[in-house]
Amino acid sequence: MTELYSAWNEYFKPVAYPDQNILFLPEKKAYKVVYVEQIPLSEELVYDFGPLTAGEEKTGIEITDFFEMPDLELLQLRYIILDDIAVRMFQPGALGRYITKRKHMWIDKKSCLVDPSLKFTEFYHYKRRMLIFDVKNPTQYDTPKARIQFFGWRLVLEELATIPERYAAIPIGGMKPKE
């Protein structure tokens, strides 16, 4: 298959290409990809949680409307932490991402050093599926801005009536750990 050109081609590829199928989990709804487009690093996709004092934590910040996605379009996104902050994500609101049975991990600038491709920050956003962040300032000084920047891929979809034999599974929300 011919690869799409992208500035980060080696590190970040779309989950599927045109004429390939995807399956949303946990809903188990199938779609065919009809178009793929790169979403570049851009000021328009910088989200600022606002100033934070030393040690301050803000919780339950919903940014669902930040992306304004039309029906049958999927965003495959990653994010970069721009300031000295840590974030954790919920998608949908009650289900944390990056969780174990008893822990909910924070992602910070040090985390980004471990994986320069930022693969561990990757998530999918579809329709108005709730997207919530907690943010904290883990430092001993105030920070005037608390920003993250999103980038990735936009996939235009066509709904399928049945689940095809071949597909890429897409987690569009968190899942509770088993007790």
C-alpha atoms as a PDB file:
ATOM      1  CA  MET A   1       0.000   0.000   0.000  1.00  0.00           C
ATOM      2  CA  THR A   2       1.215   3.514  -0.785  1.00  0.00           C
ATOM      3  CA  GLU A   3       1.995   5.538   2.322  1.00  0.00           C
ATOM      4  CA  LEU A   4       0.651   9.057   2.848  1.00  0.00           C
ATOM      5  CA  TYR A   5       3.288  11.748   3.191  1.00  0.00           C
ATOM      6  CA  SER A   6       3.554  13.265   6.635  1.00  0.00           C
ATOM      7  CA  ALA A   7       6.116  15.305   8.516  1.00  0.00           C
ATOM      8  CA  TRP A   8       6.295  12.572  11.158  1.00  0.00           C
ATOM      9  CA  ASN A   9       5.842   9.630   8.787  1.00  0.00           C
ATOM     10  CA  GLU A  10       8.308   7.366  10.625  1.00  0.00           C
ATOM     11  CA  TYR A  11       6.807   7.989  14.038  1.00  0.00           C
ATOM     12  CA  PHE A  12       3.084   8.527  13.642  1.00  0.00           C
ATOM     13  CA  LYS A  13       0.955   6.879  10.980  1.00  0.00           C
ATOM     14  CA  PRO A  14      -2.823   6.876  10.658  1.00  0.00           C
ATOM     15  CA  VAL A  15      -4.461   3.840  12.183  1.00  0.00           C
ATOM     16  CA  ALA A  16      -6.029   3.033   8.802  1.00  0.00           C
ATOM     17  CA  TYR A  17      -5.854   4.251   5.227  1.00  0.00           C
ATOM     18  CA  PRO A  18      -8.645   4.822   2.664  1.00  0.00           C
ATOM     19  CA  ASP A  19     -10.574   1.625   1.850  1.00  0.00           C
ATOM     20  CA  GLN A  20      -9.471  -0.019   5.109  1.00  0.00           C
ATOM     21  CA  ASN A  21     -11.876  -0.812   7.944  1.00  0.00           C
ATOM     22  CA  ILE A  22     -11.906   0.130  11.606  1.00  0.00           C
ATOM     23  CA  LEU A  23     -13.940  -1.134  14.552  1.00  0.00           C
ATOM     24  CA  PHE A  24     -14.719   1.143  17.514  1.00  0.00           C
ATOM     25  CA  LEU A  25     -14.263  -0.415  20.931  1.00  0.00           C
ATOM     26  CA  PRO A  26     -16.041  -0.940  23.255  1.00  0.00           C
ATOM     27  CA  GLU A  27     -19.111  -0.174  21.034  1.00  0.00           C
ATOM     28  CA  LYS A  28     -18.174  -2.662  18.271  1.00  0.00           C
ATOM     29  CA  LYS A  29     -19.345  -0.402  15.433  1.00  0.00           C
ATOM     30  CA  ALA A  30     -17.581  -0.793  12.070  1.00  0.00           C
ATOM     31  CA  TYR A  31     -16.567   1.870   9.573  1.00  0.00           C
ATOM     32  CA  LYS A  32     -14.659   2.148   6.304  1.00  0.00           C
ATOM     33  CA  VAL A  33     -12.079   4.919   5.986  1.00  0.00           C
ATOM     34  CA  VAL A  34     -12.740   7.070   2.910  1.00  0.00           C
ATOM     35  CA  TYR A  35     -10.249   9.900   3.471  1.00  0.00           C
ATOM     36  CA  VAL A  36      -7.214  10.641   5.660  1.00  0.00           C
ATOM     37  CA  GLU A  37      -5.635  14.018   6.319  1.00  0.00           C
ATOM     38  CA  GLN A  38      -2.788  15.167   8.560  1.00  0.00           C
ATOM     39  CA  ILE A  39      -3.568  17.571  11.415  1.00  0.00           C
ATOM     40  CA  PRO A  40      -0.296  19.501  11.831  1.00  0.00           C
ATOM     41  CA  LEU A  41       1.177  21.176  14.887  1.00  0.00           C
ATOM     42  CA  SER A  42      -0.684  24.468  14.937  1.00  0.00           C
ATOM     43  CA  GLU A  43      -1.494  27.241  17.403  1.00  0.00           C
ATOM     44  CA  GLU A  44      -5.181  26.504  16.783  1.00  0.00           C
ATOM     45  CA  LEU A  45      -4.766  23.205  18.600  1.00  0.00           C
ATOM     46  CA  VAL A  46      -3.007  24.522  21.707  1.00  0.00           C
ATOM     47  CA  TYR A  47      -5.211  24.249  24.793  1.00  0.00           C
ATOM     48  CA  ASP A  48      -4.332  26.451  27.776  1.00  0.00           C
ATOM     49  CA  PHE A  49      -5.702  25.323  31.146  1.00  0.00           C
ATOM     50  CA  GLY A  50      -4.743  28.757  32.537  1.00  0.00           C
ATOM     51  CA  PRO A  51      -2.265  29.819  35.217  1.00  0.00           C
ATOM     52  CA  LEU A  52      -1.442  27.420  38.053  1.00  0.00           C
ATOM     53  CA  THR A  53       0.137  28.237  41.374  1.00  0.00           C
ATOM     54  CA  ALA A  54       2.852  25.962  42.791  1.00  0.00           C
ATOM     55  CA  GLY A  55       1.322  22.570  43.585  1.00  0.00           C
ATOM     56  CA  GLU A  56      -2.153  23.571  42.353  1.00  0.00           C
ATOM     57  CA  GLU A  57      -4.411  20.972  40.723  1.00  0.00           C
ATOM     58  CA  LYS A  58      -7.489  21.616  38.578  1.00  0.00           C
ATOM     59  CA  THR A  59      -9.831  18.692  37.971  1.00  0.00           C
ATOM     60  CA  GLY A  60     -12.655  17.826  35.594  1.00  0.00           C
ATOM     61  CA  ILE A  61     -11.809  20.247  32.788  1.00  0.00           C
ATOM     62  CA  GLU A  62     -13.978  19.258  29.831  1.00  0.00           C
ATOM     63  CA  ILE A  63     -12.524  20.064  26.408  1.00  0.00           C
ATOM     64  CA  THR A  64     -14.991  18.040  24.294  1.00  0.00           C
ATOM     65  CA  ASP A  65     -16.048  21.095  22.249  1.00  0.00           C
ATOM     66  CA  PHE A  66     -12.438  22.118  21.591  1.00  0.00           C
ATOM     67  CA  PHE A  67     -12.326  19.822  18.534  1.00  0.00           C
ATOM     68  CA  GLU A  68     -15.825  20.408  17.045  1.00  0.00           C
ATOM     69  CA  MET A  69     -15.950  17.212  14.981  1.00  0.00           C
ATOM     70  CA  PRO A  70     -18.673  16.603  12.389  1.00  0.00           C
ATOM     71  CA  ASP A  71     -20.434  13.244  12.211  1.00  0.00           C
ATOM     72  CA  LEU A  72     -18.503  10.395  10.612  1.00  0.00           C
ATOM     73  CA  GLU A  73     -15.107  11.950  11.268  1.00  0.00           C
ATOM     74  CA  LEU A  74     -12.516  10.573  13.659  1.00  0.00           C
ATOM     75  CA  LEU A  75      -9.489  12.308  15.103  1.00  0.00           C
ATOM     76  CA  GLN A  76      -6.437  10.222  15.929  1.00  0.00           C
ATOM     77  CA  LEU A  77      -4.460  12.548  18.168  1.00  0.00           C
ATOM     78  CA  ARG A  78      -1.344  12.835  20.284  1.00  0.00           C
ATOM     79  CA  TYR A  79      -0.346  15.735  22.478  1.00  0.00           C
ATOM     80  CA  ILE A  80       2.780  17.524  23.618  1.00  0.00           C
ATOM     81  CA  ILE A  81       3.021  19.110  27.052  1.00  0.00           C
ATOM     82  CA  LEU A  82       4.398  22.604  26.488  1.00  0.00           C
ATOM     83  CA  ASP A  83       4.783  23.850  30.071  1.00  0.00           C
ATOM     84  CA  ASP A  84       5.864  22.465  33.459  1.00  0.00           C
ATOM     85  CA  ILE A  85       2.588  20.690  34.158  1.00  0.00           C
ATOM     86  CA  ALA A  86       1.219  17.173  34.422  1.00  0.00           C
ATOM     87  CA  VAL A  87      -2.097  15.974  32.971  1.00  0.00           C
ATOM     88  CA  ARG A  88      -4.291  12.934  33.170  1.00  0.00           C
ATOM     89  CA  MET A  89      -7.150  12.146  30.862  1.00  0.00           C
ATOM     90  CA  PHE A  90     -10.687  10.761  31.134  1.00  0.00           C
ATOM     91  CA  GLN A  91     -12.598   9.522  28.085  1.00  0.00           C
ATOM     92  CA  PRO A  92     -15.553   9.424  28.575  1.00  0.00           C
ATOM     93  CA  GLY A  93     -15.784  11.472  31.756  1.00  0.00           C
ATOM     94  CA  ALA A  94     -15.947   8.651  34.287  1.00  0.00           C
ATOM     95  CA  LEU A  95     -13.285   6.442  32.725  1.00  0.00           C
ATOM     96  CA  GLY A  96      -9.656   7.347  33.149  1.00  0.00           C
ATOM     97  CA  ARG A  97      -7.012   6.638  30.519  1.00  0.00           C
ATOM     98  CA  TYR A  98      -3.557   5.375  31.521  1.00  0.00           C
ATOM     99  CA  ILE A  99      -4.932   3.421  34.468  1.00  0.00           C
ATOM    100  CA  THR A 100      -4.294   0.256  36.399  1.00  0.00           C
ATOM    101  CA  LYS A 101      -6.531  -1.241  39.052  1.00  0.00           C
ATOM    102  CA  ARG A 102      -5.410   1.261  41.696  1.00  0.00           C
ATOM    103  CA  LYS A 103      -3.439   3.964  39.873  1.00  0.00           C
ATOM    104  CA  HIS A 104      -4.230   6.724  37.400  1.00  0.00           C
ATOM    105  CA  MET A 105      -1.034   7.966  35.791  1.00  0.00           C
ATOM    106  CA  TRP A 106      -0.034  11.566  35.209  1.00  0.00           C
ATOM    107  CA  ILE A 107       1.772  12.506  31.976  1.00  0.00           C
ATOM    108  CA  ASP A 108       4.358  15.292  32.232  1.00  0.00           C
ATOM    109  CA  LYS A 109       7.286  16.713  30.290  1.00  0.00           C
ATOM    110  CA  LYS A 110       9.591  13.992  31.663  1.00  0.00           C
ATOM    111  CA  SER A 111       7.209  11.351  30.298  1.00  0.00           C
ATOM    112  CA  CYS A 112       7.718  12.826  26.844  1.00  0.00           C
ATOM    113  CA  LEU A 113      11.474  12.187  27.092  1.00  0.00           C
ATOM    114  CA  VAL A 114      10.847   8.436  27.394  1.00  0.00           C
ATOM    115  CA  ASP A 115       8.898   8.295  24.129  1.00  0.00           C
ATOM    116  CA  PRO A 116       9.820  11.147  21.747  1.00  0.00           C
ATOM    117  CA  SER A 117       7.125   9.972  19.307  1.00  0.00           C
ATOM    118  CA  LEU A 118       4.514  10.571  22.074  1.00  0.00           C
ATOM    119  CA  LYS A 119       2.759   7.298  21.235  1.00  0.00           C
ATOM    120  CA  PHE A 120       1.641   6.844  24.830  1.00  0.00           C
ATOM    121  CA  THR A 121      -0.385  10.101  24.595  1.00  0.00           C
ATOM    122  CA  GLU A 122      -2.353   8.851  21.587  1.00  0.00           C
ATOM    123  CA  PHE A 123      -6.137   8.779  21.754  1.00  0.00           C
ATOM    124  CA  TYR A 124      -9.131   8.875  19.412  1.00  0.00           C
ATOM    125  CA  HIS A 125     -11.906  11.454  19.456  1.00  0.00           C
ATOM    126  CA  TYR A 126     -15.244  10.801  17.769  1.00  0.00           C
ATOM    127  CA  LYS A 127     -18.418  12.931  17.712  1.00  0.00           C
ATOM    128  CA  ARG A 128     -19.107  14.518  21.088  1.00  0.00           C
ATOM    129  CA  ARG A 129     -17.561  11.790  23.192  1.00  0.00           C
ATOM    130  CA  MET A 130     -16.697  13.477  26.475  1.00  0.00           C
ATOM    131  CA  LEU A 131     -13.018  14.336  26.901  1.00  0.00           C
ATOM    132  CA  ILE A 132     -11.874  15.534  30.330  1.00  0.00           C
ATOM    133  CA  PHE A 133      -8.457  16.425  31.730  1.00  0.00           C
ATOM    134  CA  ASP A 134      -7.048  16.998  35.179  1.00  0.00           C
ATOM    135  CA  VAL A 135      -4.010  19.275  35.260  1.00  0.00           C
ATOM    136  CA  LYS A 136      -1.539  20.045  38.023  1.00  0.00           C
ATOM    137  CA  ASN A 137       1.560  22.073  38.605  1.00  0.00           C
ATOM    138  CA  PRO A 138       4.045  19.637  40.188  1.00  0.00           C
ATOM    139  CA  THR A 139       6.676  22.341  40.647  1.00  0.00           C
ATOM    140  CA  GLN A 140       7.441  24.697  43.531  1.00  0.00           C
ATOM    141  CA  TYR A 141       6.832  27.812  41.432  1.00  0.00           C
ATOM    142  CA  ASP A 142       3.803  29.377  39.748  1.00  0.00           C
ATOM    143  CA  THR A 143       3.324  28.896  36.015  1.00  0.00           C
ATOM    144  CA  PRO A 144       1.461  31.572  33.992  1.00  0.00           C
ATOM    145  CA  LYS A 145       0.342  29.051  31.366  1.00  0.00           C
ATOM    146  CA  ALA A 146      -0.519  25.367  31.417  1.00  0.00           C
ATOM    147  CA  ARG A 147      -0.634  24.294  27.782  1.00  0.00           C
ATOM    148  CA  ILE A 148      -0.817  21.116  25.749  1.00  0.00           C
ATOM    149  CA  GLN A 149      -0.720  20.961  21.961  1.00  0.00           C
ATOM    150  CA  PHE A 150      -2.583  18.398  19.875  1.00  0.00           C
ATOM    151  CA  PHE A 151      -1.661  17.014  16.442  1.00  0.00           C
ATOM    152  CA  GLY A 152      -2.479  13.914  14.439  1.00  0.00           C
ATOM    153  CA  TRP A 153      -4.800  12.615  11.763  1.00  0.00           C
ATOM    154  CA  ARG A 154      -8.362  13.264  10.612  1.00  0.00           C
ATOM    155  CA  LEU A 155     -10.160  10.250   9.172  1.00  0.00           C
ATOM    156  CA  VAL A 156     -13.445  10.578   7.275  1.00  0.00           C
ATOM    157  CA  LEU A 157     -15.578   7.467   7.708  1.00  0.00           C
ATOM    158  CA  GLU A 158     -18.440   5.588   6.117  1.00  0.00           C
ATOM    159  CA  GLU A 159     -20.569   3.444   8.433  1.00  0.00           C
ATOM    160  CA  LEU A 160     -20.736  -0.291   7.677  1.00  0.00           C
ATOM    161  CA  ALA A 161     -23.809  -2.421   8.355  1.00  0.00           C
ATOM    162  CA  THR A 162     -21.806  -5.444   9.506  1.00  0.00           C
ATOM    163  CA  ILE A 163     -18.411  -6.058  11.058  1.00  0.00           C
ATOM    164  CA  PRO A 164     -15.953  -6.956   8.289  1.00  0.00           C
ATOM    165  CA  GLU A 165     -13.489  -9.829   8.515  1.00  0.00           C
ATOM    166  CA  ARG A 166     -10.470  -7.472   8.616  1.00  0.00           C
ATOM    167  CA  TYR A 167     -10.311  -4.245  10.620  1.00  0.00           C
ATOM    168  CA  ALA A 168      -8.159  -2.159  12.943  1.00  0.00           C
ATOM    169  CA  ALA A 169      -9.579  -1.974  16.467  1.00  0.00           C
ATOM    170  CA  ILE A 170      -9.897   1.583  17.799  1.00  0.00           C
ATOM    171  CA  PRO A 171     -10.375   2.275  21.532  1.00  0.00           C
ATOM    172  CA  ILE A 172     -12.526   5.419  21.570  1.00  0.00           C
ATOM    173  CA  GLY A 173     -12.881   5.437  25.329  1.00  0.00           C
ATOM    174  CA  GLY A 174     -11.378   4.125  28.497  1.00  0.00           C
ATOM    175  CA  MET A 175     -12.376   0.829  30.032  1.00  0.00           C
ATOM    176  CA  LYS A 176     -12.689   0.026  33.715  1.00  0.00           C
ATOM    177  CA  PRO A 177     -10.101  -2.430  35.057  1.00  0.00           C
ATOM    178  CA  LYS A 178     -11.566  -5.746  36.142  1.00  0.00           C
ATOM    179  CA  GLU A 179     -12.018  -6.138  39.882  1.00  0.00           C
END
